[in-house]
PDB file of N, CA and C in Angstrom:
ATOM      1  N   PRO A   1     134.812 -66.849-144.447  1.00  0.00           N
ATOM      2  CA  PRO A   1     135.582 -65.924-143.623  1.00  0.00           C
ATOM      3  C   PRO A   1     134.663 -65.010-142.812  1.00  0.00           C
ATOM      4  N   PRO A   2     135.107 -64.522-141.687  1.00  0.00           N
ATOM      5  CA  PRO A   2     134.275 -63.661-140.850  1.00  0.00           C
ATOM      6  C   PRO A   2     133.712 -62.448-141.587  1.00  0.00           C
ATOM      7  N   SER A   3     134.438 -61.909-142.550  1.00  0.00           N
ATOM      8  CA  SER A   3     133.958 -60.712-143.244  1.00  0.00           C
ATOM      9  C   SER A   3     132.736 -60.982-144.095  1.00  0.00           C
ATOM     10  N   LEU A   4     132.436 -62.235-144.370  1.00  0.00           N
ATOM     11  CA  LEU A   4     131.280 -62.557-145.209  1.00  0.00           C
ATOM     12  C   LEU A   4     130.095 -63.064-144.405  1.00  0.00           C
ATOM     13  N   SER A   5     130.160 -62.975-143.087  1.00  0.00           N
ATOM     14  CA  SER A   5     129.092 -63.528-142.272  1.00  0.00           C
ATOM     15  C   SER A   5     127.832 -62.677-142.253  1.00  0.00           C
ATOM     16  N   GLY A   6     127.897 -61.421-142.727  1.00  0.00           N
ATOM     17  CA  GLY A   6     126.703 -60.585-142.787  1.00  0.00           C
ATOM     18  C   GLY A   6     125.808 -60.970-143.931  1.00  0.00           C
ATOM     19  N   ARG A   7     124.548 -60.601-143.845  1.00  0.00           N
ATOM     20  CA  ARG A   7     123.593 -60.979-144.878  1.00  0.00           C
ATOM     21  C   ARG A   7     123.476 -59.943-145.986  1.00  0.00           C
ATOM     22  N   GLY A   8     124.152 -58.822-145.890  1.00  0.00           N
ATOM     23  CA  GLY A   8     124.087 -57.830-146.947  1.00  0.00           C
ATOM     24  C   GLY A   8     122.862 -56.946-146.859  1.00  0.00           C
ATOM     25  N   ALA A   9     122.360 -56.703-145.647  1.00  0.00           N
ATOM     26  CA  ALA A   9     121.226 -55.806-145.451  1.00  0.00           C
ATOM     27  C   ALA A   9     121.535 -54.902-144.271  1.00  0.00           C
ATOM     28  N   ASP A  10     120.995 -53.691-144.308  1.00  0.00           N
ATOM     29  CA  ASP A  10     121.239 -52.776-143.195  1.00  0.00           C
ATOM     30  C   ASP A  10     120.228 -53.042-142.086  1.00  0.00           C
ATOM     31  N   ASP A  11     120.234 -52.208-141.045  1.00  0.00           N
ATOM     32  CA  ASP A  11     119.354 -52.415-139.893  1.00  0.00           C
ATOM     33  C   ASP A  11     117.880 -52.359-140.247  1.00  0.00           C
ATOM     34  N   ASP A  12     117.527 -51.656-141.319  1.00  0.00           N
ATOM     35  CA  ASP A  12     116.130 -51.559-141.743  1.00  0.00           C
ATOM     36  C   ASP A  12     115.736 -52.667-142.709  1.00  0.00           C
ATOM     37  N   GLY A  13     116.651 -53.589-143.012  1.00  0.00           N
ATOM     38  CA  GLY A  13     116.354 -54.672-143.927  1.00  0.00           C
ATOM     39  C   GLY A  13     116.566 -54.321-145.386  1.00  0.00           C
ATOM     40  N   GLU A  14     117.075 -53.112-145.644  1.00  0.00           N
ATOM     41  CA  GLU A  14     117.322 -52.692-147.018  1.00  0.00           C
ATOM     42  C   GLU A  14     118.602 -53.362-147.533  1.00  0.00           C
ATOM     43  N   SER A  15     118.601 -53.718-148.803  1.00  0.00           N
ATOM     44  CA  SER A  15     119.782 -54.347-149.386  1.00  0.00           C
ATOM     45  C   SER A  15     120.960 -53.380-149.378  1.00  0.00           C
ATOM     46  N   THR A  16     122.141 -53.942-149.186  1.00  0.00           N
ATOM     47  CA  THR A  16     123.364 -53.153-149.256  1.00  0.00           C
ATOM     48  C   THR A  16     124.349 -53.895-150.149  1.00  0.00           C
ATOM     49  N   THR A  17     125.452 -53.257-150.426  1.00  0.00           N
ATOM     50  CA  THR A  17     126.485 -53.903-151.238  1.00  0.00           C
ATOM     51  C   THR A  17     127.562 -54.524-150.359  1.00  0.00           C
ATOM     52  N   THR A  18     127.309 -54.631-149.075  1.00  0.00           N
ATOM     53  CA  THR A  18     128.305 -55.146-148.144  1.00  0.00           C
ATOM     54  C   THR A  18     128.771 -56.538-148.522  1.00  0.00           C
ATOM     55  N   LEU A  19     127.855 -57.438-148.811  1.00  0.00           N
ATOM     56  CA  LEU A  19     128.246 -58.803-149.140  1.00  0.00           C
ATOM     57  C   LEU A  19     129.121 -58.828-150.386  1.00  0.00           C
ATOM     58  N   PHE A  20     128.738 -58.070-151.418  1.00  0.00           N
ATOM     59  CA  PHE A  20     129.546 -58.012-152.637  1.00  0.00           C
ATOM     60  C   PHE A  20     130.913 -57.411-152.341  1.00  0.00           C
ATOM     61  N   SER A  21     130.927 -56.285-151.642  1.00  0.00           N
ATOM     62  CA  SER A  21     132.193 -55.606-151.337  1.00  0.00           C
ATOM     63  C   SER A  21     133.122 -56.496-150.527  1.00  0.00           C
ATOM     64  N   ASN A  22     132.579 -57.176-149.537  1.00  0.00           N
ATOM     65  CA  ASN A  22     133.405 -58.047-148.708  1.00  0.00           C
ATOM     66  C   ASN A  22     133.896 -59.266-149.477  1.00  0.00           C
ATOM     67  N   THR A  23     133.069 -59.792-150.380  1.00  0.00           N
ATOM     68  CA  THR A  23     133.490 -60.917-151.209  1.00  0.00           C
ATOM     69  C   THR A  23     134.619 -60.492-152.129  1.00  0.00           C
ATOM     70  N   LEU A  24     134.494 -59.328-152.716  1.00  0.00           N
ATOM     71  CA  LEU A  24     135.547 -58.800-153.585  1.00  0.00           C
ATOM     72  C   LEU A  24     136.830 -58.566-152.795  1.00  0.00           C
ATOM     73  N   LEU A  25     136.707 -58.062-151.586  1.00  0.00           N
ATOM     74  CA  LEU A  25     137.874 -57.860-150.729  1.00  0.00           C
ATOM     75  C   LEU A  25     138.571 -59.188-150.444  1.00  0.00           C
ATOM     76  N   GLU A  26     137.792 -60.234-150.175  1.00  0.00           N
ATOM     77  CA  GLU A  26     138.374 -61.554-149.928  1.00  0.00           C
ATOM     78  C   GLU A  26     139.071 -62.078-151.177  1.00  0.00           C
ATOM     79  N   ALA A  27     138.486 -61.860-152.356  1.00  0.00           N
ATOM     80  CA  ALA A  27     139.105 -62.299-153.607  1.00  0.00           C
ATOM     81  C   ALA A  27     140.434 -61.574-153.817  1.00  0.00           C
ATOM     82  N   ARG A  28     140.480 -60.301-153.465  1.00  0.00           N
ATOM     83  CA  ARG A  28     141.740 -59.548-153.560  1.00  0.00           C
ATOM     84  C   ARG A  28     142.760 -60.087-152.566  1.00  0.00           C
ATOM     85  N   ARG A  29     142.312 -60.343-151.336  1.00  0.00           N
ATOM     86  CA  ARG A  29     143.213 -60.836-150.292  1.00  0.00           C
ATOM     87  C   ARG A  29     143.815 -62.193-150.679  1.00  0.00           C
ATOM     88  N   LEU A  30     143.030 -63.022-151.369  1.00  0.00           N
ATOM     89  CA  LEU A  30     143.521 -64.317-151.820  1.00  0.00           C
ATOM     90  C   LEU A  30     144.453 -64.204-153.025  1.00  0.00           C
ATOM     91  N   GLY A  31     144.510 -63.018-153.621  1.00  0.00           N
ATOM     92  CA  GLY A  31     145.335 -62.845-154.804  1.00  0.00           C
ATOM     93  C   GLY A  31     144.669 -63.350-156.063  1.00  0.00           C
ATOM     94  N   LEU A  32     143.351 -63.449-156.023  1.00  0.00           N
ATOM     95  CA  LEU A  32     142.599 -63.943-157.176  1.00  0.00           C
ATOM     96  C   LEU A  32     142.338 -62.839-158.196  1.00  0.00           C
ATOM     97  N   VAL A  33     142.019 -61.638-157.720  1.00  0.00           N
ATOM     98  CA  VAL A  33     141.733 -60.515-158.610  1.00  0.00           C
ATOM     99  C   VAL A  33     142.562 -59.297-158.228  1.00  0.00           C
ATOM    100  N   GLU A  34     142.699 -58.374-159.194  1.00  0.00           N
ATOM    101  CA  GLU A  34     143.417 -57.127-158.966  1.00  0.00           C
ATOM    102  C   GLU A  34     142.766 -56.032-159.803  1.00  0.00           C
ATOM    103  N   ASP A  35     143.012 -54.794-159.415  1.00  0.00           N
ATOM    104  CA  ASP A  35     142.550 -53.643-160.190  1.00  0.00           C
ATOM    105  C   ASP A  35     143.645 -53.246-161.155  1.00  0.00           C
ATOM    106  N   MET A  36     143.276 -53.048-162.409  1.00  0.00           N
ATOM    107  CA  MET A  36     144.235 -52.630-163.416  1.00  0.00           C
ATOM    108  C   MET A  36     143.520 -51.699-164.386  1.00  0.00           C
ATOM    109  N   ASP A  37     143.976 -50.449-164.446  1.00  0.00           N
ATOM    110  CA  ASP A  37     143.372 -49.450-165.348  1.00  0.00           C
ATOM    111  C   ASP A  37     141.868 -49.334-165.128  1.00  0.00           C
ATOM    112  N   ASP A  38     141.461 -49.211-163.872  1.00  0.00           N
ATOM    113  CA  ASP A  38     140.051 -49.078-163.490  1.00  0.00           C
ATOM    114  C   ASP A  38     139.206 -50.280-163.893  1.00  0.00           C
ATOM    115  N   LYS A  39     139.830 -51.431-164.040  1.00  0.00           N
ATOM    116  CA  LYS A  39     139.119 -52.668-164.361  1.00  0.00           C
ATOM    117  C   LYS A  39     139.551 -53.735-163.379  1.00  0.00           C
ATOM    118  N   LEU A  40     138.692 -54.678-163.165  1.00  0.00           N
ATOM    119  CA  LEU A  40     138.980 -55.802-162.292  1.00  0.00           C
ATOM    120  C   LEU A  40     139.341 -56.994-163.168  1.00  0.00           C
ATOM    121  N   ARG A  41     140.453 -57.659-162.845  1.00  0.00           N
ATOM    122  CA  ARG A  41     140.853 -58.811-163.641  1.00  0.00           C
ATOM    123  C   ARG A  41     141.519 -59.845-162.755  1.00  0.00           C
ATOM    124  N   LEU A  42     141.626 -61.070-163.273  1.00  0.00           N
ATOM    125  CA  LEU A  42     142.362 -62.105-162.572  1.00  0.00           C
ATOM    126  C   LEU A  42     143.825 -61.703-162.505  1.00  0.00           C
ATOM    127  N   THR A  43     144.484 -62.063-161.427  1.00  0.00           N
ATOM    128  CA  THR A  43     145.911 -61.785-161.313  1.00  0.00           C
ATOM    129  C   THR A  43     146.678 -62.666-162.306  1.00  0.00           C
ATOM    130  N   ALA A  44     147.905 -62.284-162.599  1.00  0.00           N
ATOM    131  CA  ALA A  44     148.730 -63.056-163.529  1.00  0.00           C
ATOM    132  C   ALA A  44     148.909 -64.487-163.036  1.00  0.00           C
ATOM    133  N   ASP A  45     149.069 -64.656-161.720  1.00  0.00           N
ATOM    134  CA  ASP A  45     149.228 -66.003-161.169  1.00  0.00           C
ATOM    135  C   ASP A  45     147.972 -66.834-161.415  1.00  0.00           C
ATOM    136  N   ALA A  46     146.807 -66.231-161.205  1.00  0.00           N
ATOM    137  CA  ALA A  46     145.547 -66.953-161.425  1.00  0.00           C
ATOM    138  C   ALA A  46     145.334 -67.260-162.906  1.00  0.00           C
ATOM    139  N   ARG A  47     145.870 -66.405-163.771  1.00  0.00           N
ATOM    140  CA  ARG A  47     145.740 -66.619-165.213  1.00  0.00           C
ATOM    141  C   ARG A  47     146.839 -67.512-165.758  1.00  0.00           C
ATOM    142  N   GLY A  48     147.728 -67.993-164.917  1.00  0.00           N
ATOM    143  CA  GLY A  48     148.824 -68.827-165.400  1.00  0.00           C
ATOM    144  C   GLY A  48     149.830 -68.041-166.203  1.00  0.00           C
ATOM    145  N   GLY A  49     150.057 -66.798-165.801  1.00  0.00           N
ATOM    146  CA  GLY A  49     151.010 -65.972-166.524  1.00  0.00           C
ATOM    147  C   GLY A  49     150.442 -65.381-167.796  1.00  0.00           C
ATOM    148  N   GLY A  50     149.127 -65.435-167.946  1.00  0.00           N
ATOM    149  CA  GLY A  50     148.500 -64.838-169.115  1.00  0.00           C
ATOM    150  C   GLY A  50     148.376 -65.769-170.299  1.00  0.00           C
ATOM    151  N   LYS A  51     148.714 -67.034-170.110  1.00  0.00           N
ATOM    152  CA  LYS A  51     148.621 -67.987-171.212  1.00  0.00           C
ATOM    153  C   LYS A  51     147.156 -68.210-171.583  1.00  0.00           C
ATOM    154  N   ARG A  52     146.905 -68.351-172.843  1.00  0.00           N
ATOM    155  CA  ARG A  52     145.548 -68.603-173.325  1.00  0.00           C
ATOM    156  C   ARG A  52     145.487 -69.989-173.948  1.00  0.00           C
ATOM    157  N   GLY A  53     144.281 -70.463-174.154  1.00  0.00           N
ATOM    158  CA  GLY A  53     144.111 -71.751-174.805  1.00  0.00           C
ATOM    159  C   GLY A  53     143.732 -72.830-173.821  1.00  0.00           C
ATOM    160  N   SER A  54     143.937 -74.059-174.234  1.00  0.00           N
ATOM    161  CA  SER A  54     143.471 -75.193-173.435  1.00  0.00           C
ATOM    162  C   SER A  54     144.178 -75.291-172.089  1.00  0.00           C
ATOM    163  N   ASP A  55     145.402 -74.782-171.983  1.00  0.00           N
ATOM    164  CA  ASP A  55     146.131 -74.854-170.721  1.00  0.00           C
ATOM    165  C   ASP A  55     145.641 -73.847-169.688  1.00  0.00           C
ATOM    166  N   SER A  56     144.916 -72.819-170.101  1.00  0.00           N
ATOM    167  CA  SER A  56     144.508 -71.777-169.159  1.00  0.00           C
ATOM    168  C   SER A  56     143.623 -72.344-168.052  1.00  0.00           C
ATOM    169  N   GLU A  57     142.767 -73.293-168.373  1.00  0.00           N
ATOM    170  CA  GLU A  57     141.913 -73.899-167.340  1.00  0.00           C
ATOM    171  C   GLU A  57     142.762 -74.708-166.367  1.00  0.00           C
ATOM    172  N   VAL A  58     143.736 -75.415-166.866  1.00  0.00           N
ATOM    173  CA  VAL A  58     144.626 -76.201-166.013  1.00  0.00           C
ATOM    174  C   VAL A  58     145.389 -75.279-165.064  1.00  0.00           C
ATOM    175  N   TYR A  59     145.925 -74.177-165.583  1.00  0.00           N
ATOM    176  CA  TYR A  59     146.644 -73.217-164.739  1.00  0.00           C
ATOM    177  C   TYR A  59     145.726 -72.639-163.666  1.00  0.00           C
ATOM    178  N   PHE A  60     144.494 -72.270-164.073  1.00  0.00           N
ATOM    179  CA  PHE A  60     143.557 -71.677-163.122  1.00  0.00           C
ATOM    180  C   PHE A  60     143.179 -72.679-162.036  1.00  0.00           C
ATOM    181  N   LEU A  61     142.881 -73.911-162.410  1.00  0.00           N
ATOM    182  CA  LEU A  61     142.516 -74.920-161.416  1.00  0.00           C
ATOM    183  C   LEU A  61     143.673 -75.207-160.471  1.00  0.00           C
ATOM    184  N   ASP A  62     144.893 -75.240-161.007  1.00  0.00           N
ATOM    185  CA  ASP A  62     146.069 -75.446-160.166  1.00  0.00           C
ATOM    186  C   ASP A  62     146.230 -74.287-159.183  1.00  0.00           C
ATOM    187  N   TYR A  63     146.028 -73.079-159.681  1.00  0.00           N
ATOM    188  CA  TYR A  63     146.114 -71.897-158.819  1.00  0.00           C
ATOM    189  C   TYR A  63     145.067 -71.972-157.698  1.00  0.00           C
ATOM    190  N   MET A  64     143.833 -72.323-158.058  1.00  0.00           N
ATOM    191  CA  MET A  64     142.769 -72.397-157.051  1.00  0.00           C
ATOM    192  C   MET A  64     143.076 -73.482-156.030  1.00  0.00           C
ATOM    193  N   TYR A  65     143.602 -74.592-156.470  1.00  0.00           N
ATOM    194  CA  TYR A  65     143.970 -75.664-155.544  1.00  0.00           C
ATOM    195  C   TYR A  65     145.038 -75.173-154.572  1.00  0.00           C
ATOM    196  N   ARG A  66     146.097 -74.559-155.099  1.00  0.00           N
ATOM    197  CA  ARG A  66     147.163 -74.032-154.238  1.00  0.00           C
ATOM    198  C   ARG A  66     146.632 -72.957-153.299  1.00  0.00           C
ATOM    199  N   THR A  67     145.738 -72.125-153.787  1.00  0.00           N
ATOM    200  CA  THR A  67     145.223 -71.010-153.001  1.00  0.00           C
ATOM    201  C   THR A  67     144.267 -71.475-151.908  1.00  0.00           C
ATOM    202  N   LEU A  68     143.363 -72.375-152.247  1.00  0.00           N
ATOM    203  CA  LEU A  68     142.314 -72.764-151.302  1.00  0.00           C
ATOM    204  C   LEU A  68     142.679 -73.916-150.379  1.00  0.00           C
ATOM    205  N   PHE A  69     143.663 -74.735-150.760  1.00  0.00           N
ATOM    206  CA  PHE A  69     143.961 -75.915-149.954  1.00  0.00           C
ATOM    207  C   PHE A  69     145.382 -75.964-149.410  1.00  0.00           C
ATOM    208  N   ASP A  70     146.060 -74.851-149.358  1.00  0.00           N
ATOM    209  CA  ASP A  70     147.386 -74.777-148.758  1.00  0.00           C
ATOM    210  C   ASP A  70     147.221 -74.354-147.304  1.00  0.00           C
ATOM    211  N   PRO A  71     147.508 -75.252-146.349  1.00  0.00           N
ATOM    212  CA  PRO A  71     147.286 -74.921-144.935  1.00  0.00           C
ATOM    213  C   PRO A  71     148.010 -73.655-144.469  1.00  0.00           C
ATOM    214  N   ALA A  72     149.243 -73.449-144.899  1.00  0.00           N
ATOM    215  CA  ALA A  72     149.983 -72.253-144.471  1.00  0.00           C
ATOM    216  C   ALA A  72     149.311 -70.991-145.009  1.00  0.00           C
ATOM    217  N   ARG A  73     148.934 -71.012-146.268  1.00  0.00           N
ATOM    218  CA  ARG A  73     148.272 -69.851-146.861  1.00  0.00           C
ATOM    219  C   ARG A  73     146.896 -69.623-146.230  1.00  0.00           C
ATOM    220  N   ALA A  74     146.202 -70.703-145.909  1.00  0.00           N
ATOM    221  CA  ALA A  74     144.885 -70.580-145.282  1.00  0.00           C
ATOM    222  C   ALA A  74     144.990 -69.872-143.933  1.00  0.00           C
ATOM    223  N   ILE A  75     146.023 -70.186-143.191  1.00  0.00           N
ATOM    224  CA  ILE A  75     146.224 -69.523-141.898  1.00  0.00           C
ATOM    225  C   ILE A  75     146.593 -68.059-142.123  1.00  0.00           C
ATOM    226  N   GLU A  76     147.479 -67.814-143.071  1.00  0.00           N
ATOM    227  CA  GLU A  76     147.927 -66.450-143.380  1.00  0.00           C
ATOM    228  C   GLU A  76     146.761 -65.547-143.800  1.00  0.00           C
ATOM    229  N   THR A  77     145.844 -66.063-144.599  1.00  0.00           N
ATOM    230  CA  THR A  77     144.727 -65.261-145.102  1.00  0.00           C
ATOM    231  C   THR A  77     143.467 -65.409-144.246  1.00  0.00           C
ATOM    232  N   LYS A  78     143.595 -66.127-143.127  1.00  0.00           N
ATOM    233  CA  LYS A  78     142.481 -66.340-142.200  1.00  0.00           C
ATOM    234  C   LYS A  78     141.337 -67.109-142.871  1.00  0.00           C
ATOM    235  N   HIS A  79     141.707 -68.108-143.690  1.00  0.00           N
ATOM    236  CA  HIS A  79     140.716 -68.935-144.370  1.00  0.00           C
ATOM    237  C   HIS A  79     140.822 -70.409-143.983  1.00  0.00           C
ATOM    238  N   ALA A  80     141.449 -70.703-142.861  1.00  0.00           N
ATOM    239  CA  ALA A  80     141.618 -72.101-142.461  1.00  0.00           C
ATOM    240  C   ALA A  80     140.268 -72.791-142.282  1.00  0.00           C
ATOM    241  N   GLY A  81     139.326 -72.107-141.669  1.00  0.00           N
ATOM    242  CA  GLY A  81     137.993 -72.686-141.487  1.00  0.00           C
ATOM    243  C   GLY A  81     137.309 -72.938-142.812  1.00  0.00           C
ATOM    244  N   PHE A  82     137.466 -72.009-143.745  1.00  0.00           N
ATOM    245  CA  PHE A  82     136.866 -72.163-145.065  1.00  0.00           C
ATOM    246  C   PHE A  82     137.484 -73.348-145.792  1.00  0.00           C
ATOM    247  N   MET A  83     138.807 -73.517-145.669  1.00  0.00           N
ATOM    248  CA  MET A  83     139.489 -74.621-146.336  1.00  0.00           C
ATOM    249  C   MET A  83     138.906 -75.957-145.873  1.00  0.00           C
ATOM    250  N   ILE A  84     138.705 -76.111-144.573  1.00  0.00           N
ATOM    251  CA  ILE A  84     138.158 -77.359-144.040  1.00  0.00           C
ATOM    252  C   ILE A  84     136.705 -77.534-144.483  1.00  0.00           C
ATOM    253  N   ALA A  85     135.927 -76.458-144.417  1.00  0.00           N
ATOM    254  CA  ALA A  85     134.518 -76.532-144.827  1.00  0.00           C
ATOM    255  C   ALA A  85     134.400 -76.864-146.315  1.00  0.00           C
ATOM    256  N   LEU A  86     135.236 -76.266-147.141  1.00  0.00           N
ATOM    257  CA  LEU A  86     135.194 -76.528-148.577  1.00  0.00           C
ATOM    258  C   LEU A  86     135.581 -77.972-148.871  1.00  0.00           C
ATOM    259  N   ALA A  87     136.590 -78.480-148.190  1.00  0.00           N
ATOM    260  CA  ALA A  87     136.980 -79.880-148.379  1.00  0.00           C
ATOM    261  C   ALA A  87     135.815 -80.798-148.012  1.00  0.00           C
ATOM    262  N   TRP A  88     135.138 -80.510-146.910  1.00  0.00           N
ATOM    263  CA  TRP A  88     133.966 -81.302-146.513  1.00  0.00           C
ATOM    264  C   TRP A  88     132.868 -81.202-147.566  1.00  0.00           C
ATOM    265  N   PHE A  89     132.564 -79.988-148.008  1.00  0.00           N
ATOM    266  CA  PHE A  89     131.506 -79.775-148.986  1.00  0.00           C
ATOM    267  C   PHE A  89     131.801 -80.512-150.294  1.00  0.00           C
ATOM    268  N   LEU A  90     133.036 -80.420-150.771  1.00  0.00           N
ATOM    269  CA  LEU A  90     133.403 -81.068-152.025  1.00  0.00           C
ATOM    270  C   LEU A  90     133.414 -82.587-151.923  1.00  0.00           C
ATOM    271  N   SER A  91     133.517 -83.104-150.712  1.00  0.00           N
ATOM    272  CA  SER A  91     133.475 -84.555-150.534  1.00  0.00           C
ATOM    273  C   SER A  91     132.043 -85.073-150.380  1.00  0.00           C
ATOM    274  N   SER A  92     131.079 -84.162-150.308  1.00  0.00           N
ATOM    275  CA  SER A  92     129.672 -84.557-150.170  1.00  0.00           C
ATOM    276  C   SER A  92     129.153 -85.145-151.473  1.00  0.00           C
ATOM    277  N   ASN A  93     128.223 -86.047-151.357  1.00  0.00           N
ATOM    278  CA  ASN A  93     127.632 -86.692-152.523  1.00  0.00           C
ATOM    279  C   ASN A  93     126.535 -85.797-153.098  1.00  0.00           C
ATOM    280  N   PRO A  94     126.671 -85.335-154.340  1.00  0.00           N
ATOM    281  CA  PRO A  94     125.656 -84.459-154.930  1.00  0.00           C
ATOM    282  C   PRO A  94     124.324 -85.175-155.173  1.00  0.00           C
ATOM    283  N   LEU A  95     124.330 -86.494-155.117  1.00  0.00           N
ATOM    284  CA  LEU A  95     123.081 -87.243-155.297  1.00  0.00           C
ATOM    285  C   LEU A  95     122.254 -87.305-154.018  1.00  0.00           C
ATOM    286  N   HIS A  96     122.846 -86.852-152.917  1.00  0.00           N
ATOM    287  CA  HIS A  96     122.145 -86.782-151.635  1.00  0.00           C
ATOM    288  C   HIS A  96     122.156 -85.324-151.169  1.00  0.00           C
ATOM    289  N   PRO A  97     121.160 -84.548-151.593  1.00  0.00           N
ATOM    290  CA  PRO A  97     121.151 -83.115-151.267  1.00  0.00           C
ATOM    291  C   PRO A  97     121.183 -82.857-149.760  1.00  0.00           C
ATOM    292  N   MET A  98     121.731 -81.693-149.421  1.00  0.00           N
ATOM    293  CA  MET A  98     121.788 -81.285-148.021  1.00  0.00           C
ATOM    294  C   MET A  98     120.382 -81.011-147.506  1.00  0.00           C
ATOM    295  N   ASN A  99     120.167 -81.327-146.259  1.00  0.00           N
ATOM    296  CA  ASN A  99     118.888 -81.041-145.609  1.00  0.00           C
ATOM    297  C   ASN A  99     119.027 -79.670-144.950  1.00  0.00           C
ATOM    298  N   PHE A 100     118.455 -78.646-145.575  1.00  0.00           N
ATOM    299  CA  PHE A 100     118.631 -77.288-145.074  1.00  0.00           C
ATOM    300  C   PHE A 100     117.750 -76.981-143.868  1.00  0.00           C
ATOM    301  N   SER A 101     116.900 -77.917-143.469  1.00  0.00           N
ATOM    302  CA  SER A 101     116.111 -77.686-142.261  1.00  0.00           C
ATOM    303  C   SER A 101     116.898 -78.092-141.011  1.00  0.00           C
ATOM    304  N   VAL A 102     118.017 -78.769-141.214  1.00  0.00           N
ATOM    305  CA  VAL A 102     118.892 -79.168-140.108  1.00  0.00           C
ATOM    306  C   VAL A 102     120.092 -78.221-140.103  1.00  0.00           C
ATOM    307  N   PRO A 103     120.436 -77.660-138.939  1.00  0.00           N
ATOM    308  CA  PRO A 103     121.603 -76.773-138.885  1.00  0.00           C
ATOM    309  C   PRO A 103     122.848 -77.486-139.423  1.00  0.00           C
ATOM    310  N   PRO A 104     123.645 -76.815-140.246  1.00  0.00           N
ATOM    311  CA  PRO A 104     124.818 -77.468-140.845  1.00  0.00           C
ATOM    312  C   PRO A 104     125.810 -77.971-139.807  1.00  0.00           C
ATOM    313  N   GLN A 105     125.836 -77.354-138.646  1.00  0.00           N
ATOM    314  CA  GLN A 105     126.770 -77.790-137.608  1.00  0.00           C
ATOM    315  C   GLN A 105     126.492 -79.237-137.188  1.00  0.00           C
ATOM    316  N   ARG A 106     125.209 -79.613-137.149  1.00  0.00           N
ATOM    317  CA  ARG A 106     124.866 -80.997-136.771  1.00  0.00           C
ATOM    318  C   ARG A 106     125.380 -81.986-137.814  1.00  0.00           C
ATOM    319  N   THR A 107     125.189 -81.647-139.085  1.00  0.00           N
ATOM    320  CA  THR A 107     125.658 -82.523-140.154  1.00  0.00           C
ATOM    321  C   THR A 107     127.174 -82.627-140.110  1.00  0.00           C
ATOM    322  N   LEU A 108     127.836 -81.496-139.946  1.00  0.00           N
ATOM    323  CA  LEU A 108     129.301 -81.497-139.851  1.00  0.00           C
ATOM    324  C   LEU A 108     129.770 -82.346-138.684  1.00  0.00           C
ATOM    325  N   GLN A 109     129.134 -82.175-137.538  1.00  0.00           N
ATOM    326  CA  GLN A 109     129.524 -82.925-136.342  1.00  0.00           C
ATOM    327  C   GLN A 109     129.378 -84.422-136.588  1.00  0.00           C
ATOM    328  N   ALA A 110     128.287 -84.812-137.240  1.00  0.00           N
ATOM    329  CA  ALA A 110     128.056 -86.231-137.512  1.00  0.00           C
ATOM    330  C   ALA A 110     129.068 -86.787-138.503  1.00  0.00           C
ATOM    331  N   GLU A 111     129.492 -85.965-139.458  1.00  0.00           N
ATOM    332  CA  GLU A 111     130.367 -86.461-140.517  1.00  0.00           C
ATOM    333  C   GLU A 111     131.855 -86.295-140.255  1.00  0.00           C
ATOM    334  N   ILE A 112     132.262 -85.208-139.579  1.00  0.00           N
ATOM    335  CA  ILE A 112     133.702 -85.017-139.367  1.00  0.00           C
ATOM    336  C   ILE A 112     134.085 -84.869-137.900  1.00  0.00           C
ATOM    337  N   GLY A 113     133.128 -85.089-137.019  1.00  0.00           N
ATOM    338  CA  GLY A 113     133.412 -85.140-135.587  1.00  0.00           C
ATOM    339  C   GLY A 113     134.003 -83.873-135.014  1.00  0.00           C
ATOM    340  N   GLU A 114     135.092 -84.043-134.269  1.00  0.00           N
ATOM    341  CA  GLU A 114     135.696 -82.928-133.536  1.00  0.00           C
ATOM    342  C   GLU A 114     136.214 -81.806-134.427  1.00  0.00           C
ATOM    343  N   HIS A 115     136.413 -82.081-135.699  1.00  0.00           N
ATOM    344  CA  HIS A 115     136.908 -81.058-136.622  1.00  0.00           C
ATOM    345  C   HIS A 115     135.802 -80.106-137.082  1.00  0.00           C
ATOM    346  N   ALA A 116     134.553 -80.404-136.760  1.00  0.00           N
ATOM    347  CA  ALA A 116     133.425 -79.579-137.209  1.00  0.00           C
ATOM    348  C   ALA A 116     133.562 -78.134-136.754  1.00  0.00           C
ATOM    349  N   SER A 117     133.983 -77.902-135.544  1.00  0.00           N
ATOM    350  CA  SER A 117     134.098 -76.530-135.035  1.00  0.00           C
ATOM    351  C   SER A 117     135.172 -75.741-135.774  1.00  0.00           C
ATOM    352  N   LYS A 118     136.153 -76.415-136.357  1.00  0.00           N
ATOM    353  CA  LYS A 118     137.222 -75.738-137.093  1.00  0.00           C
ATOM    354  C   LYS A 118     136.737 -75.124-138.398  1.00  0.00           C
ATOM    355  N   THR A 119     135.577 -75.545-138.896  1.00  0.00           N
ATOM    356  CA  THR A 119     135.073 -75.033-140.171  1.00  0.00           C
ATOM    357  C   THR A 119     134.512 -73.623-140.051  1.00  0.00           C
ATOM    358  N   GLU A 120     134.181 -73.216-138.851  1.00  0.00           N
ATOM    359  CA  GLU A 120     133.579 -71.905-138.599  1.00  0.00           C
ATOM    360  C   GLU A 120     132.225 -71.751-139.293  1.00  0.00           C
ATOM    361  N   VAL A 121     131.597 -72.888-139.672  1.00  0.00           N
ATOM    362  CA  VAL A 121     130.286 -72.839-140.316  1.00  0.00           C
ATOM    363  C   VAL A 121     129.236 -72.493-139.274  1.00  0.00           C
ATOM    364  N   THR A 122     128.404 -71.520-139.610  1.00  0.00           N
ATOM    365  CA  THR A 122     127.319 -71.123-138.725  1.00  0.00           C
ATOM    366  C   THR A 122     126.040 -71.015-139.550  1.00  0.00           C
ATOM    367  N   SER A 123     124.934 -70.955-138.866  1.00  0.00           N
ATOM    368  CA  SER A 123     123.669 -70.685-139.562  1.00  0.00           C
ATOM    369  C   SER A 123     123.190 -69.346-139.048  1.00  0.00           C
ATOM    370  N   LEU A 124     123.022 -68.411-139.967  1.00  0.00           N
ATOM    371  CA  LEU A 124     122.628 -67.045-139.613  1.00  0.00           C
ATOM    372  C   LEU A 124     121.140 -66.905-139.614  1.00  0.00           C
TER     373      LEU A 124
END
């Protein structure tokens, strides 16, 4: 998302908490986390209604799938580009590591063609 495009440093190169703060804001916007009694926790939906045990992972994975790969929700939360980029990334073969000396846009263009620009992937 655009809010995470900064590197987390100020004009003098000093570290800031911007990247963390913006990531947390995005997690809140997605409905993944909430503040409760001065603590940060997964939302009830992300926790599957608070169920514990072997089903909790299934509920969480289902929630993440619905949250990250629902086109309507992606547009609503301004994560459509991320949804496409994540789908591309997850379809990549882990046995063939990414070449980080090549801008990711070139790899995207070669692999998904005209849809590459929709990912909003940039190299900072």
